[in-house]
Each structure stands twice: as C-alpha cells, then as structure tokens.
Amino acid sequence: MDRPGSPQYPREPVLDLEVRAAVIEWRGPAPFYWLPLGEEDSDELAARPELSYGWGCVPVMVTIGETEYYTALMPKDGRYLVPLKVAVRRAEQIDLGDVIEARVEVLAPR
C-alpha cells in the first residue's frame, strides 16, 4: 500500500495518534463497527477545523495489526470514530466489544 508521502499519496501526516479502545456498533441504515478516539484526541481534532474536508470528516491512514487502509474519521456525539471496514475486521479477527489498538495518521485534506 502506498504510504503518505509517496508519489501516489503525497500528503504527510499532520498528527499521529495511538488509539486503544473497545469496538462499538452504530446502527444507522446498516450496522457498522467503529473504534472511538479518546476525548482528548477528539477535542484536538474538533479544535482544528482546517483538518476536515467537510461535515467534520477528517482523512486518515489507519494501521491495525498488519492491515493499513485509508478512510475518514466521522464525528459523533463529541467524539471522532474510526470506521472498521468488514475486510479489516475479518483480516484482524475483530469483533464487537474487542479492545484493539490502532495507529491513526491524520492527513491534511486535499
């Protein structure tokens, strides 16, 4: 996978966060699993609106175990949430309620 800073993905990380939390479920139109950021990290992101490309979404590169993927943090109820895609959950054997660790590299929006 191309890393931030590579020719295919020229943005360098603005913030580098280490997250450890329990996986939660948010039932919207379809159930989805999320990793909530801590209050301090969420407050820091909320105080930096220039990091959002719109609607509070913040582009990130996430590393969980051996899996890396690009996504966007979503704001909800004063916290930011990392979406946990089905492919990631399967690859890393993640289930609802599991406490997991992730590296979250916050990227400047394009």
N, C-alpha and C. Protein backbone atom coordinates (compact mmCIF):
# COMPACT_ATOMS: atom_id res chain seq x y z
N MET A 1 0.86 -1.18 0.00
CA MET A 1 0.00 0.00 0.00
C MET A 1 0.90 1.24 0.00
N ASP A 2 0.49 2.24 -0.74
CA ASP A 2 1.23 3.49 -0.78
C ASP A 2 1.06 4.22 0.54
N ARG A 3 2.15 4.69 1.07
CA ARG A 3 2.15 5.41 2.33
C ARG A 3 2.02 6.90 2.07
N PRO A 4 1.51 7.66 3.06
CA PRO A 4 1.53 9.11 2.92
C PRO A 4 2.96 9.57 2.62
N GLY A 5 3.07 10.49 1.70
CA GLY A 5 4.38 10.99 1.31
C GLY A 5 4.91 10.31 0.05
N SER A 6 4.33 9.19 -0.36
CA SER A 6 4.77 8.53 -1.58
C SER A 6 4.24 9.32 -2.79
N PRO A 7 4.81 9.09 -3.97
CA PRO A 7 4.33 9.83 -5.15
C PRO A 7 2.83 9.62 -5.40
N GLN A 8 2.30 8.45 -5.07
CA GLN A 8 0.89 8.18 -5.29
C GLN A 8 0.01 8.82 -4.22
N TYR A 9 0.62 9.13 -3.09
CA TYR A 9 -0.14 9.72 -1.98
C TYR A 9 0.73 10.77 -1.31
N PRO A 10 0.77 11.99 -1.88
CA PRO A 10 1.77 12.97 -1.49
C PRO A 10 1.59 13.66 -0.14
N ARG A 11 0.52 13.40 0.59
CA ARG A 11 0.31 14.12 1.85
C ARG A 11 1.08 13.48 3.01
N GLU A 12 1.68 14.31 3.81
CA GLU A 12 2.37 13.84 5.03
C GLU A 12 1.38 13.90 6.18
N PRO A 13 1.53 13.01 7.17
CA PRO A 13 0.64 13.07 8.34
C PRO A 13 0.79 14.39 9.09
N VAL A 14 -0.33 14.93 9.53
CA VAL A 14 -0.36 16.15 10.33
C VAL A 14 -0.29 15.80 11.81
N LEU A 15 -0.98 14.74 12.19
CA LEU A 15 -0.98 14.22 13.56
C LEU A 15 -0.83 12.72 13.51
N ASP A 16 -0.19 12.16 14.52
CA ASP A 16 -0.03 10.71 14.63
C ASP A 16 -0.61 10.30 15.98
N LEU A 17 -1.72 9.56 15.94
CA LEU A 17 -2.43 9.19 17.16
C LEU A 17 -2.34 7.69 17.41
N GLU A 18 -2.20 7.31 18.66
CA GLU A 18 -2.27 5.91 19.07
C GLU A 18 -3.58 5.75 19.82
N VAL A 19 -4.41 4.82 19.37
CA VAL A 19 -5.75 4.64 19.93
C VAL A 19 -5.86 3.24 20.51
N ARG A 20 -6.43 3.14 21.69
CA ARG A 20 -6.76 1.85 22.31
C ARG A 20 -8.16 2.00 22.88
N ALA A 21 -9.10 1.22 22.35
CA ALA A 21 -10.49 1.35 22.78
C ALA A 21 -11.26 0.08 22.40
N ALA A 22 -12.47 -0.01 22.93
CA ALA A 22 -13.36 -1.12 22.60
C ALA A 22 -14.15 -0.79 21.33
N VAL A 23 -14.31 -1.78 20.49
CA VAL A 23 -15.08 -1.64 19.25
C VAL A 23 -16.56 -1.49 19.60
N ILE A 24 -17.19 -0.49 18.96
CA ILE A 24 -18.61 -0.25 19.19
C ILE A 24 -19.38 -0.43 17.88
N GLU A 25 -20.69 -0.53 18.01
CA GLU A 25 -21.55 -0.64 16.84
C GLU A 25 -22.45 0.59 16.80
N TRP A 26 -22.60 1.14 15.61
CA TRP A 26 -23.51 2.27 15.41
C TRP A 26 -24.50 1.82 14.35
N ARG A 27 -25.73 1.70 14.74
CA ARG A 27 -26.76 1.24 13.81
C ARG A 27 -27.38 2.44 13.10
N GLY A 28 -27.00 2.59 11.87
CA GLY A 28 -27.62 3.59 11.02
C GLY A 28 -28.47 2.84 10.02
N PRO A 29 -28.43 3.25 8.75
CA PRO A 29 -29.15 2.49 7.74
C PRO A 29 -28.67 1.03 7.68
N ALA A 30 -27.40 0.82 8.02
CA ALA A 30 -26.84 -0.53 8.12
C ALA A 30 -25.90 -0.53 9.33
N PRO A 31 -25.82 -1.63 10.04
CA PRO A 31 -24.90 -1.65 11.19
C PRO A 31 -23.46 -1.53 10.73
N PHE A 32 -22.67 -0.83 11.50
CA PHE A 32 -21.26 -0.64 11.18
C PHE A 32 -20.48 -0.61 12.47
N TYR A 33 -19.24 -1.06 12.41
CA TYR A 33 -18.38 -1.09 13.59
C TYR A 33 -17.39 0.06 13.55
N TRP A 34 -17.09 0.57 14.73
CA TRP A 34 -16.26 1.77 14.86
C TRP A 34 -15.31 1.63 16.03
N LEU A 35 -14.21 2.36 15.95
CA LEU A 35 -13.26 2.48 17.05
C LEU A 35 -13.28 3.94 17.48
N PRO A 36 -13.77 4.24 18.70
CA PRO A 36 -13.84 5.64 19.12
C PRO A 36 -12.48 6.18 19.56
N LEU A 37 -12.18 7.40 19.15
CA LEU A 37 -11.00 8.08 19.65
C LEU A 37 -11.28 8.57 21.06
N GLY A 38 -10.23 8.77 21.83
CA GLY A 38 -10.38 9.30 23.17
C GLY A 38 -10.85 10.74 23.16
N GLU A 39 -11.29 11.18 24.31
CA GLU A 39 -11.83 12.54 24.44
C GLU A 39 -10.78 13.60 24.09
N GLU A 40 -9.56 13.42 24.57
CA GLU A 40 -8.50 14.41 24.32
C GLU A 40 -8.18 14.52 22.83
N ASP A 41 -8.02 13.37 22.16
CA ASP A 41 -7.74 13.39 20.72
C ASP A 41 -8.91 13.98 19.94
N SER A 42 -10.13 13.63 20.34
CA SER A 42 -11.32 14.17 19.67
C SER A 42 -11.42 15.68 19.85
N ASP A 43 -11.12 16.16 21.05
CA ASP A 43 -11.15 17.61 21.29
C ASP A 43 -10.12 18.33 20.44
N GLU A 44 -8.92 17.73 20.30
CA GLU A 44 -7.88 18.35 19.49
C GLU A 44 -8.31 18.44 18.02
N LEU A 45 -8.91 17.39 17.51
CA LEU A 45 -9.39 17.42 16.12
C LEU A 45 -10.51 18.42 15.93
N ALA A 46 -11.43 18.48 16.88
CA ALA A 46 -12.55 19.42 16.79
C ALA A 46 -12.06 20.87 16.80
N ALA A 47 -10.94 21.11 17.47
CA ALA A 47 -10.38 22.47 17.56
C ALA A 47 -9.60 22.85 16.30
N ARG A 48 -9.47 21.91 15.36
CA ARG A 48 -8.71 22.17 14.13
C ARG A 48 -9.58 21.91 12.90
N PRO A 49 -10.55 22.80 12.65
CA PRO A 49 -11.47 22.57 11.53
C PRO A 49 -10.78 22.52 10.17
N GLU A 50 -9.57 23.04 10.07
CA GLU A 50 -8.85 23.01 8.79
C GLU A 50 -8.49 21.57 8.38
N LEU A 51 -8.56 20.63 9.32
CA LEU A 51 -8.25 19.23 9.00
C LEU A 51 -9.42 18.49 8.36
N SER A 52 -10.60 19.10 8.39
CA SER A 52 -11.79 18.45 7.83
C SER A 52 -11.99 18.86 6.38
N TYR A 53 -12.42 17.91 5.57
CA TYR A 53 -12.76 18.24 4.18
C TYR A 53 -14.25 18.53 4.03
N GLY A 54 -14.98 18.49 5.12
CA GLY A 54 -16.40 18.82 5.10
C GLY A 54 -17.19 17.93 6.03
N TRP A 55 -18.23 18.45 6.59
CA TRP A 55 -19.12 17.74 7.51
C TRP A 55 -18.38 17.16 8.72
N GLY A 56 -17.22 17.71 9.02
CA GLY A 56 -16.44 17.24 10.16
C GLY A 56 -15.59 16.01 9.89
N CYS A 57 -15.64 15.47 8.67
CA CYS A 57 -14.87 14.27 8.33
C CYS A 57 -13.39 14.62 8.16
N VAL A 58 -12.53 13.76 8.69
CA VAL A 58 -11.09 14.00 8.69
C VAL A 58 -10.38 12.82 8.01
N PRO A 59 -9.62 13.07 6.94
CA PRO A 59 -8.93 11.97 6.25
C PRO A 59 -7.80 11.39 7.11
N VAL A 60 -7.70 10.06 7.11
CA VAL A 60 -6.69 9.38 7.92
C VAL A 60 -6.18 8.13 7.21
N MET A 61 -5.01 7.70 7.65
CA MET A 61 -4.45 6.39 7.31
C MET A 61 -4.46 5.62 8.62
N VAL A 62 -5.05 4.44 8.64
CA VAL A 62 -5.19 3.64 9.85
C VAL A 62 -4.38 2.36 9.72
N THR A 63 -3.66 2.01 10.78
CA THR A 63 -2.95 0.74 10.84
C THR A 63 -3.45 -0.03 12.04
N ILE A 64 -3.97 -1.23 11.79
CA ILE A 64 -4.41 -2.14 12.84
C ILE A 64 -3.73 -3.48 12.55
N GLY A 65 -2.87 -3.90 13.44
CA GLY A 65 -2.13 -5.14 13.19
C GLY A 65 -1.32 -5.01 11.92
N GLU A 66 -1.55 -5.92 10.98
CA GLU A 66 -0.84 -5.91 9.69
C GLU A 66 -1.62 -5.19 8.60
N THR A 67 -2.76 -4.64 8.95
CA THR A 67 -3.66 -4.04 7.95
C THR A 67 -3.57 -2.52 7.98
N GLU A 68 -3.39 -1.93 6.80
CA GLU A 68 -3.38 -0.47 6.63
C GLU A 68 -4.47 -0.10 5.64
N TYR A 69 -5.15 1.01 5.93
CA TYR A 69 -6.17 1.46 4.99
C TYR A 69 -6.45 2.95 5.19
N TYR A 70 -6.90 3.58 4.09
CA TYR A 70 -7.30 4.98 4.13
C TYR A 70 -8.79 5.05 4.38
N THR A 71 -9.19 6.02 5.19
CA THR A 71 -10.60 6.23 5.48
C THR A 71 -10.75 7.65 6.01
N ALA A 72 -11.87 7.94 6.60
CA ALA A 72 -12.08 9.26 7.21
C ALA A 72 -12.74 9.06 8.57
N LEU A 73 -12.25 9.82 9.54
CA LEU A 73 -12.88 9.83 10.86
C LEU A 73 -14.22 10.53 10.73
N MET A 74 -15.20 10.04 11.45
CA MET A 74 -16.54 10.63 11.45
C MET A 74 -16.84 11.17 12.83
N PRO A 75 -17.37 12.39 12.92
CA PRO A 75 -17.73 12.92 14.24
C PRO A 75 -19.09 12.38 14.68
N LYS A 76 -19.21 12.05 15.97
CA LYS A 76 -20.50 11.62 16.52
C LYS A 76 -20.48 11.84 18.02
N ASP A 77 -21.45 12.62 18.48
CA ASP A 77 -21.63 12.86 19.92
C ASP A 77 -20.36 13.34 20.62
N GLY A 78 -19.63 14.27 19.98
CA GLY A 78 -18.45 14.85 20.60
C GLY A 78 -17.18 14.03 20.48
N ARG A 79 -17.25 12.90 19.82
CA ARG A 79 -16.08 12.05 19.61
C ARG A 79 -15.90 11.82 18.12
N TYR A 80 -14.69 11.44 17.75
CA TYR A 80 -14.43 11.00 16.39
C TYR A 80 -14.35 9.49 16.39
N LEU A 81 -14.87 8.88 15.32
CA LEU A 81 -14.91 7.43 15.20
C LEU A 81 -14.13 6.98 13.98
N VAL A 82 -13.35 5.90 14.15
CA VAL A 82 -12.63 5.26 13.05
C VAL A 82 -13.53 4.16 12.49
N PRO A 83 -13.93 4.23 11.22
CA PRO A 83 -14.72 3.15 10.64
C PRO A 83 -13.87 1.88 10.51
N LEU A 84 -14.44 0.75 10.91
CA LEU A 84 -13.75 -0.53 10.80
C LEU A 84 -14.43 -1.34 9.68
N LYS A 85 -13.83 -1.31 8.52
CA LYS A 85 -14.40 -1.98 7.35
C LYS A 85 -14.46 -3.49 7.59
N VAL A 86 -15.40 -4.15 6.93
CA VAL A 86 -15.57 -5.59 7.07
C VAL A 86 -14.26 -6.32 6.74
N ALA A 87 -13.59 -5.93 5.66
CA ALA A 87 -12.35 -6.60 5.27
C ALA A 87 -11.29 -6.47 6.36
N VAL A 88 -11.23 -5.33 7.02
CA VAL A 88 -10.27 -5.11 8.11
C VAL A 88 -10.63 -5.99 9.30
N ARG A 89 -11.91 -5.99 9.66
CA ARG A 89 -12.35 -6.80 10.80
C ARG A 89 -12.07 -8.28 10.57
N ARG A 90 -12.31 -8.75 9.37
CA ARG A 90 -12.03 -10.16 9.06
C ARG A 90 -10.54 -10.45 9.11
N ALA A 91 -9.74 -9.60 8.48
CA ALA A 91 -8.29 -9.82 8.42
C ALA A 91 -7.66 -9.82 9.80
N GLU A 92 -8.15 -8.97 10.69
CA GLU A 92 -7.57 -8.84 12.02
C GLU A 92 -8.40 -9.55 13.10
N GLN A 93 -9.44 -10.26 12.68
CA GLN A 93 -10.30 -11.03 13.60
C GLN A 93 -10.84 -10.15 14.72
N ILE A 94 -11.46 -9.05 14.33
CA ILE A 94 -12.01 -8.06 15.27
C ILE A 94 -13.51 -8.25 15.37
N ASP A 95 -14.01 -8.22 16.60
CA ASP A 95 -15.45 -8.36 16.82
C ASP A 95 -15.93 -7.26 17.76
N LEU A 96 -17.22 -7.09 17.81
CA LEU A 96 -17.85 -6.10 18.68
C LEU A 96 -17.38 -6.29 20.12
N GLY A 97 -16.97 -5.19 20.76
CA GLY A 97 -16.53 -5.22 22.15
C GLY A 97 -15.06 -5.51 22.35
N ASP A 98 -14.37 -5.99 21.31
CA ASP A 98 -12.93 -6.23 21.44
C ASP A 98 -12.20 -4.93 21.71
N VAL A 99 -11.22 -4.97 22.58
CA VAL A 99 -10.35 -3.81 22.81
C VAL A 99 -9.17 -3.97 21.87
N ILE A 100 -9.01 -2.99 20.98
CA ILE A 100 -7.94 -3.07 19.99
C ILE A 100 -7.10 -1.80 20.01
N GLU A 101 -5.94 -1.90 19.39
CA GLU A 101 -5.04 -0.75 19.24
C GLU A 101 -4.92 -0.41 17.77
N ALA A 102 -4.83 0.89 17.51
CA ALA A 102 -4.68 1.35 16.13
C ALA A 102 -3.78 2.57 16.09
N ARG A 103 -3.05 2.68 15.02
CA ARG A 103 -2.31 3.91 14.73
C ARG A 103 -3.15 4.68 13.73
N VAL A 104 -3.42 5.94 14.04
CA VAL A 104 -4.25 6.78 13.19
C VAL A 104 -3.42 7.99 12.78
N GLU A 105 -3.07 8.05 11.49
CA GLU A 105 -2.30 9.18 10.96
C GLU A 105 -3.29 10.15 10.32
N VAL A 106 -3.41 11.32 10.90
CA VAL A 106 -4.32 12.34 10.39
C VAL A 106 -3.63 13.04 9.22
N LEU A 107 -4.33 13.12 8.10
CA LEU A 107 -3.78 13.71 6.88
C LEU A 107 -4.45 15.04 6.58
N ALA A 108 -3.71 15.93 5.98
CA ALA A 108 -4.30 17.20 5.55
C ALA A 108 -5.27 16.92 4.42
N PRO A 109 -6.43 17.57 4.43
CA PRO A 109 -7.37 17.34 3.32
C PRO A 109 -6.80 17.88 2.02
N ARG A 110 -7.24 17.32 0.92
CA ARG A 110 -6.76 17.77 -0.41
C ARG A 110 -7.39 19.08 -0.76
